[in-house]
């Protein structure tokens, strides 16, 4: 009928509109895809110029990514210190391919060269070079503080070392520090005799007296706290003499000394709270001795003539 569209015409019209809509939809989809690709490419190529105060964490937070991703994208460590002005590649939240590792030649040049021996030095006055790894071994030389030695090997708590002229011996390891010292003085006369007690004890006594005021601590062997035998052990170790951590055991070392023959540096022993030797101190002269007394008193100087210690005195030993 005139003025009325036939079903066939209507159907054809809807088909044409559908095709047109499909073309429009396809065009927009292609445009959106191109825009997304361009945006992603721009984001992946983003960079950040390092400013003062920047860290990988702050940069990652600013760019909504992770420190690990930035580190991988730039071939650096997550703990790296960032150089001012350096441009960092900022990945779009995805791990970037790892950069080529530094050349093996670069790695080799930054490693310290291996040496057959190392230099050490004495850290205190009064250390001795001995013929064997023992406090009873013959003393070869007295080594001034800062003497440079060549380290050869280790034997328990002792180090086998050599002087610059080739003379070898052993030094108590706690008396040594890494690296060269200030002098090689002992190398010139390594076989000199050990000085008598008067030449060495003042240093030992100064070390002992420097500990006055340190608190008493049962089992303590450091300046954080001493017990009696821990205190004497600490002081004598500074001069190459290894004492056991027991007053009774220390009383079996060295040679006995009469009370009238006491010299500074001799160990003095007492019977206090139990049968046998239970306390030890270091004689400093003038009938006085320094010791880690007890709780509340710490390291202090007392007299052998005082009522308490005079009645409990049990003898002395000389171990140097």
Protein backbone atom coordinates (compact mmCIF):
# COMPACT_ATOMS: atom_id res chain seq x y z
CA UNK A 1 0.00 0.00 0.00
CA UNK A 2 1.23 3.51 -0.80
CA UNK A 3 2.76 5.35 2.26
CA UNK A 4 3.33 2.14 4.14
CA UNK A 5 6.79 0.46 4.06
CA UNK A 6 6.74 -3.17 3.19
CA UNK A 7 8.30 -5.61 5.67
CA UNK A 8 11.05 -6.30 3.17
CA UNK A 9 12.00 -2.63 3.01
CA UNK A 10 11.91 -2.34 6.80
CA UNK A 11 14.17 -5.32 7.18
CA UNK A 12 16.64 -3.96 4.63
CA UNK A 13 16.73 -0.61 6.44
CA UNK A 14 17.48 -2.25 9.79
CA UNK A 15 20.28 -4.28 8.18
CA UNK A 16 21.86 -1.14 6.76
CA UNK A 17 21.66 0.59 10.13
CA UNK A 18 23.23 -2.44 11.80
CA UNK A 19 26.13 -2.45 9.37
CA UNK A 20 26.63 1.28 9.88
CA UNK A 21 26.60 0.82 13.66
CA UNK A 22 29.11 -2.02 13.40
CA UNK A 23 31.41 0.18 11.33
CA UNK A 24 31.14 3.00 13.88
CA UNK A 25 31.73 0.60 16.77
CA UNK A 26 34.72 -0.94 15.03
CA UNK A 27 36.18 2.51 14.30
CA UNK A 28 35.90 3.54 17.96
CA UNK A 29 37.39 0.24 19.12
CA UNK A 30 40.40 0.67 16.83
CA UNK A 31 40.85 4.26 18.01
CA UNK A 32 40.65 3.21 21.66
CA UNK A 33 43.18 0.42 21.13
CA UNK A 34 45.63 2.79 19.42
CA UNK A 35 45.22 5.33 22.23
CA UNK A 36 45.83 2.65 24.88
CA UNK A 37 48.95 1.39 23.12
CA UNK A 38 50.29 4.93 22.80
CA UNK A 39 49.54 5.61 26.47
CA UNK A 40 51.23 2.40 27.59
CA UNK A 41 54.26 3.14 25.44
CA UNK A 42 54.47 6.60 26.96
CA UNK A 43 54.14 5.22 30.49
CA UNK A 44 56.73 2.50 29.89
CA UNK A 45 59.15 5.12 28.62
CA UNK A 46 58.69 7.41 31.68
CA UNK A 47 61.85 8.53 33.43
CA UNK A 48 62.65 10.18 36.75
CA UNK A 49 65.62 12.46 37.37
CA UNK A 50 67.06 11.84 40.82
CA UNK A 51 66.88 14.78 43.22
CA UNK A 52 68.30 15.28 46.70
CA UNK A 53 66.58 13.01 49.20
CA UNK A 54 65.27 10.55 46.59
CA UNK A 55 65.37 6.83 47.34
CA UNK A 56 64.06 3.89 45.35
CA UNK A 57 61.17 3.68 47.80
CA UNK A 58 60.14 7.33 47.43
CA UNK A 59 60.48 7.22 43.63
CA UNK A 60 58.47 3.99 43.45
CA UNK A 61 55.72 5.47 45.63
CA UNK A 62 55.57 8.60 43.48
CA UNK A 63 55.20 6.59 40.26
CA UNK A 64 52.90 3.89 41.70
CA UNK A 65 55.30 1.04 41.16
CA UNK A 66 57.72 -0.96 43.31
CA UNK A 67 61.39 -0.47 44.22
CA UNK A 68 62.12 -3.95 42.88
CA UNK A 69 60.62 -3.08 39.48
CA UNK A 70 62.66 0.12 39.23
CA UNK A 71 65.82 -1.66 40.36
CA UNK A 72 65.37 -4.37 37.72
CA UNK A 73 64.57 -1.82 35.02
CA UNK A 74 67.80 0.03 35.75
CA UNK A 75 70.06 -2.91 36.60
CA UNK A 76 70.80 -1.72 40.13
CA UNK A 77 70.38 -3.08 43.65
CA UNK A 78 67.27 -2.31 45.68
CA UNK A 79 69.60 -0.88 48.33
CA UNK A 80 71.56 1.27 45.89
CA UNK A 81 72.32 4.91 46.76
CA UNK A 82 70.98 7.03 43.92
CA UNK A 83 73.34 9.50 42.27
CA UNK A 84 72.01 13.06 41.95
CA UNK A 85 70.94 13.88 38.40
CA UNK A 86 70.75 10.24 37.31
CA UNK A 87 67.76 9.41 35.08
CA UNK A 88 65.85 6.32 36.14
CA UNK A 89 63.62 4.36 33.79
CA UNK A 90 60.19 3.94 35.39
CA UNK A 91 58.37 0.75 34.29
CA UNK A 92 54.56 0.72 34.17
CA UNK A 93 54.16 -1.50 37.20
CA UNK A 94 55.63 -4.48 35.35
CA UNK A 95 59.10 -5.90 35.97
CA UNK A 96 61.46 -4.71 33.28
CA UNK A 97 63.94 -7.10 31.72
CA UNK A 98 67.11 -7.36 33.72
CA UNK A 99 70.01 -5.45 32.25
CA UNK A 100 73.23 -7.13 31.27
CA UNK A 101 75.41 -7.83 34.29
CA UNK A 102 78.68 -5.89 34.60
CA UNK A 103 81.59 -7.43 32.79
CA UNK A 104 83.69 -10.04 34.58
CA UNK A 105 86.77 -7.88 34.12
CA UNK A 106 85.12 -5.07 36.12
CA UNK A 107 84.28 -7.52 38.91
CA UNK A 108 87.85 -8.77 39.11
CA UNK A 109 89.36 -5.29 39.33
CA UNK A 110 87.20 -4.31 42.30
CA UNK A 111 88.02 -7.37 44.41
CA UNK A 112 90.98 -7.13 46.79
CA UNK A 113 93.94 -9.08 45.59
CA UNK A 114 94.65 -12.31 47.42
CA UNK A 115 97.88 -12.43 49.34
CA UNK A 116 99.80 -15.32 50.77
CA UNK A 117 100.12 -13.58 54.16
CA UNK A 118 98.69 -10.63 56.03
CA UNK A 119 100.13 -8.02 58.36
CA UNK A 120 99.01 -7.64 61.96
CA UNK A 121 100.20 -5.46 64.82
CA UNK A 122 100.39 -5.55 68.61
CA UNK A 123 97.62 -3.56 70.29
CA UNK A 124 99.20 -3.05 73.71
CA UNK A 125 102.55 -2.68 75.41
CA UNK A 126 104.08 -5.77 76.94
CA UNK A 127 103.10 -8.39 74.35
CA UNK A 128 105.70 -11.11 73.89
CA UNK A 129 106.90 -13.18 70.98
CA UNK A 130 107.25 -16.71 72.36
CA UNK A 131 108.96 -19.83 71.04
CA UNK A 132 105.74 -21.87 71.39
CA UNK A 133 101.97 -21.44 71.66
CA UNK A 134 101.92 -21.32 75.46
CA UNK A 135 102.50 -18.87 78.29
CA UNK A 136 105.18 -21.24 79.58
CA UNK A 137 107.11 -21.16 76.28
CA UNK A 138 110.39 -19.26 76.13
CA UNK A 139 110.04 -15.53 75.49
CA UNK A 140 111.85 -14.53 72.31
CA UNK A 141 111.21 -10.78 72.44
CA UNK A 142 109.10 -8.12 74.05
CA UNK A 143 107.04 -6.32 71.41
CA UNK A 144 106.23 -2.62 71.81
CA UNK A 145 102.67 -1.51 71.06
CA UNK A 146 102.14 -1.06 67.32
CA UNK A 147 104.81 -3.52 66.22
CA UNK A 148 104.07 -4.83 62.72
CA UNK A 149 104.20 -8.62 62.25
CA UNK A 150 103.52 -10.99 59.36
CA UNK A 151 100.69 -13.37 60.19
CA UNK A 152 101.46 -16.99 59.22
CA UNK A 153 98.90 -19.28 60.84
CA UNK A 154 96.68 -19.86 63.86
CA UNK A 155 97.10 -22.35 66.67
CA UNK A 156 94.21 -22.16 69.12
CA UNK A 157 94.33 -18.76 70.84
CA UNK A 158 97.81 -18.09 69.49
CA UNK A 159 99.00 -16.66 66.19
CA UNK A 160 102.22 -17.77 64.52
CA UNK A 161 103.91 -14.63 63.23
CA UNK A 162 107.22 -13.42 61.83
CA UNK A 163 109.27 -10.30 62.40
CA UNK A 164 110.57 -8.36 59.42
CA UNK A 165 113.96 -10.08 59.71
CA UNK A 166 112.35 -13.53 59.45
CA UNK A 167 112.41 -14.55 63.12
CA UNK A 168 109.23 -16.48 63.90
CA UNK A 169 107.27 -17.16 67.05
CA UNK A 170 103.83 -17.04 68.67
CA UNK A 171 101.80 -14.14 70.06
CA UNK A 172 98.56 -14.37 72.05
CA UNK A 173 95.84 -13.55 69.48
CA UNK A 174 93.74 -11.13 71.61
CA UNK A 175 96.79 -8.85 71.67
CA UNK A 176 96.84 -8.46 67.88
CA UNK A 177 94.99 -6.16 65.52
CA UNK A 178 94.51 -6.33 61.75
CA UNK A 179 96.79 -4.36 59.45
CA UNK A 180 100.28 -2.89 59.89
CA UNK A 181 101.24 -0.99 63.01
CA UNK A 182 103.32 2.12 63.57
CA UNK A 183 106.71 0.43 63.84
CA UNK A 184 108.86 -2.64 63.29
CA UNK A 185 111.09 -1.80 66.25
CA UNK A 186 111.31 -5.26 67.78
CA UNK A 187 112.71 -6.74 64.57
CA UNK A 188 116.11 -5.18 65.20
CA UNK A 189 116.82 -7.16 68.39
CA UNK A 190 114.44 -10.10 68.62
CA UNK A 191 116.60 -12.24 70.93
CA UNK A 192 117.05 -9.77 73.78
CA UNK A 193 116.28 -11.06 77.26
CA UNK A 194 112.95 -10.33 78.89
CA UNK A 195 113.16 -7.24 81.15
CA UNK A 196 112.71 -7.88 84.85
CA UNK A 197 109.37 -7.37 86.56
CA UNK A 198 110.06 -3.75 87.38
CA UNK A 199 110.15 -2.96 83.65
CA UNK A 200 106.78 -4.46 82.80
CA UNK A 201 104.51 -4.48 85.86
CA UNK A 202 103.76 -0.74 85.97
CA UNK A 203 101.87 -1.10 82.67
CA UNK A 204 99.95 -4.09 84.03
CA UNK A 205 99.13 -2.21 87.23
CA UNK A 206 97.93 0.83 85.28
CA UNK A 207 95.64 -1.44 83.29
CA UNK A 208 94.29 -2.99 86.47
CA UNK A 209 93.74 0.34 88.22
CA UNK A 210 91.99 1.73 85.13
CA UNK A 211 89.23 -0.80 85.81
CA UNK A 212 88.38 0.65 89.24
CA UNK A 213 84.67 1.29 89.52
CA UNK A 214 83.63 -1.47 87.10
CA UNK A 215 80.71 -3.34 88.67
CA UNK A 216 80.94 -6.87 90.06
CA UNK A 217 79.24 -9.50 87.91
CA UNK A 218 79.35 -13.23 88.65
CA UNK A 219 81.06 -14.94 85.71
CA UNK A 220 82.03 -11.56 84.17
CA UNK A 221 85.25 -11.22 82.17
CA UNK A 222 84.88 -7.78 80.54
CA UNK A 223 84.59 -4.12 81.48
CA UNK A 224 80.84 -4.62 81.46
CA UNK A 225 81.33 -6.50 84.74
CA UNK A 226 83.94 -8.73 86.43
CA UNK A 227 84.12 -11.43 89.03
CA UNK A 228 87.46 -11.83 90.84
CA UNK A 229 89.14 -14.36 88.53
CA UNK A 230 87.52 -12.79 85.45
CA UNK A 231 89.19 -9.50 86.39
CA UNK A 232 92.68 -10.97 86.79
CA UNK A 233 92.21 -13.00 83.60
CA UNK A 234 91.23 -9.82 81.68
CA UNK A 235 94.21 -7.79 82.93
CA UNK A 236 96.86 -10.48 82.37
CA UNK A 237 95.50 -11.29 78.88
CA UNK A 238 96.45 -7.75 77.87
CA UNK A 239 100.08 -8.77 78.42
CA UNK A 240 100.09 -12.16 76.77
CA UNK A 241 99.38 -14.29 79.85
CA UNK A 242 96.34 -16.59 79.57
CA UNK A 243 94.84 -17.35 82.98
CA UNK A 244 92.01 -19.81 83.67
CA UNK A 245 88.68 -18.38 84.84
CA UNK A 246 88.96 -19.77 88.37
CA UNK A 247 90.76 -18.42 91.42
CA UNK A 248 91.62 -21.97 92.59
CA UNK A 249 93.05 -22.83 89.16
CA UNK A 250 95.06 -19.60 89.04
CA UNK A 251 96.54 -20.48 92.44
CA UNK A 252 98.20 -23.51 90.83
CA UNK A 253 100.07 -21.47 88.20
CA UNK A 254 103.50 -19.83 88.37
CA UNK A 255 105.73 -19.98 91.43
CA UNK A 256 104.81 -19.35 95.08
CA UNK A 257 105.92 -16.06 96.66
CA UNK A 258 106.42 -15.27 100.34
CA UNK A 259 104.36 -12.37 101.62
CA UNK A 260 107.55 -10.45 102.45
CA UNK A 261 108.76 -10.83 98.83
CA UNK A 262 105.60 -9.62 97.06
CA UNK A 263 106.09 -7.47 93.95
CA UNK A 264 103.59 -5.48 91.94
CA UNK A 265 101.84 -7.83 89.55
CA UNK A 266 101.84 -10.90 91.81
CA UNK A 267 98.50 -12.68 92.28
CA UNK A 268 97.27 -12.79 95.90
CA UNK A 269 94.76 -15.42 97.06
CA UNK A 270 92.19 -15.67 99.82
CA UNK A 271 89.80 -18.14 101.40
CA UNK A 272 86.50 -16.29 101.73
CA UNK A 273 83.12 -18.03 101.55
CA UNK A 274 84.21 -21.69 101.19
CA UNK A 275 87.05 -24.06 101.97
CA UNK A 276 90.12 -23.60 99.81
CA UNK A 277 90.98 -20.68 97.50
CA UNK A 278 87.86 -18.69 96.55
CA UNK A 279 89.15 -15.16 95.83
CA UNK A 280 92.04 -13.56 93.93
CA UNK A 281 93.45 -10.07 93.36
CA UNK A 282 96.55 -8.33 91.96
CA UNK A 283 99.19 -6.93 94.31
CA UNK A 284 100.06 -3.30 93.46
CA UNK A 285 102.65 -2.51 96.15
CA UNK A 286 102.58 -0.83 99.57
CA UNK A 287 100.66 -3.78 100.99
CA UNK A 288 97.67 -3.00 98.73
CA UNK A 289 95.93 -5.05 96.05
CA UNK A 290 93.26 -4.38 93.42
CA UNK A 291 90.43 -6.85 92.91
CA UNK A 292 86.80 -7.32 91.89
CA UNK A 293 85.45 -7.42 95.42
CA UNK A 294 81.76 -8.30 95.49
CA UNK A 295 78.29 -7.01 94.60
CA UNK A 296 77.91 -3.32 95.40
CA UNK A 297 81.68 -2.77 95.65
CA UNK A 298 83.03 -3.73 92.23
CA UNK A 299 86.69 -3.31 91.29
CA UNK A 300 88.53 -1.50 94.07
CA UNK A 301 91.78 -1.28 96.03
CA UNK A 302 92.03 -2.80 99.53
CA UNK A 303 94.83 -3.44 102.01
CA UNK A 304 96.25 -6.84 102.86
CA UNK A 305 96.40 -5.55 106.44
CA UNK A 306 92.65 -4.98 106.74
CA UNK A 307 90.96 -7.22 109.27
CA UNK A 308 88.85 -9.11 106.74
CA UNK A 309 91.54 -9.85 104.14
CA UNK A 310 94.44 -10.23 106.59
CA UNK A 311 92.73 -13.17 108.29
CA UNK A 312 91.75 -14.79 104.98
CA UNK A 313 95.05 -14.38 103.08
CA UNK A 314 96.31 -17.75 101.77
CA UNK A 315 99.36 -16.90 99.66
CA UNK A 316 100.63 -15.46 96.39
CA UNK A 317 101.92 -16.67 93.01
CA UNK A 318 104.11 -15.00 90.36
CA UNK A 319 103.04 -15.94 86.86
CA UNK A 320 105.00 -13.45 84.68
